[in-house]
Amino acid sequence: MEPLVENEEKHIDHEKQSHYKHILLMSACFFFLFFAFNTSQSMQTSLSGALGYINLGCLYGMFAGFSIVGPAVVGKIGPKTSMIIGSAAYALVVIANFWPIGIIQIPANLLVGMGAAILWNAQGVYLSRCSLWDSRHSSKSFADMTSEYNGLFFSIFQFTGCVGTLICGLIKAVFPNVDNKVLFTILSIAAVIAFFCFMLVPSVASYESQSSQNDSLNTVGLSATLSLLCTSSKVQLMMPLALFNGMSLAFIVGDVTNDISNQYFGLSIVLIATSVFYGTNAFFSLLFGKLAAGRLGRRGCCAVAFITQVIALGAIVFYRFHAKAGFLDYVVLLTAITLLAAGDSIWESQVWMEKECDVAACDFADVFWIGSRSECCDCEFEDVAELGKCGAVRDRCVFENGESSCY
């Protein structure tokens, strides 16, 4: 477990500083890591055929299964250490592309599935901690701060795939006979750099670390994770969306790149089209991060995502590409990819923040408010469930010794 905030001076340091730079540094680490991983993954089904699909299945299957255990791991060792461990798994799977055989590729992708569950859980915890600290000392609510930071993070994150695939696509277009090992060497170096950069990310204590209850709050058990899945109606309603998002990404990364882009346009266009997907995804992540915190809200963003992806999937399914791609084929392909990216940016960067805000609110309340009265929202409650109805966590309050005051 990461070191706790043990004295008032350390607590004041967190109060005074903005965590904006922390988010930028973490985002930069993800940039280099997924510059390498997303680019190599976009080439999997085009270069490895059936093995590429098996690799993707192993990766995301393990990711889904190990995600149940991920929160407990992050709770034990902290988000920074978790991100270092997770990035090591990603670096190894990029390096494994030098040996495109099942005996190496399949175990590597199973390993990165485990690393992904830890890495992404740690990223959410780290971002939530930064958002909660900064929301306590600004005019923005925790929900608004989370939307803004998440939009910033995913705009940088999605830009990684844009840069990586564009560079490799241009290399393949200009030098069509270049050995793929040259590309994988570049990607492997970027992944290793990212691994070491994660060690430079500052640790951020949880807001609850002021309390003597900190140990119990930071220990997330497997039963608690499963209980949330079984008892939270909001989590249950999100499960179909999680399934759809995973299947749609598999369709984009696997089928669109291999069956459409590679078959009709060639490998260089596969990489360039993938670059367009990640580039527009980055732009829309930043845009919808602002809109979700404004009048449009998260539900409005979800409606936009639904409409754009229905149009895009309809175009891909019903439009017949020509054996010799013409101008209209390029227009349809790039338009569909842009619309898919717009929808995907919302599914990935905004929807899950709804539950993340609720969980962080409960953790915050558990320290200061259980069995007390909140003057900020003029209501009395005995447990976290009643606090959730009250919504007091979104008010700007200062808590000292369990007492609340508003300003």
Foldseek 3Di string as FASTA:
>chain_A
DDDFDDDPVSVVVLLPDACLVLLVLLLVLLLLLCLLQVQVLLCQCVPLPPLSVLLLCLQQVLLVVLLLVQLQVCLVPNLLVLLLLLLVLSLLLLLLVVPSDDVRNNVSSNSNSNSVSNNVVSVLVQLLQSLLSVCLNDPAFSLLSQLQSLLLSLLSNLLSLLVSLLVVLVCCVVVVPDDCVVSSVVSSVSSVVSSVSSVVNDGGHHPLSVFPCVSVLSRDDSVNSVVCCVPPPLNVVCVVVVVVLSVVVCCLSHVCLRVPCCQQPNNSSSSNLSSLLSNLLSVLSNVVSNVCSDDCHLVNLLVLLVVLQVVLVVLVVPDDADNHGDPVSVVNSNSSSNSNSNNSSSSPRPSVSVVSVLVSLQSVCVRQPAPHDDPQQGDDDHHSVVVVVSVSSRFNWDGDPNDIDHD
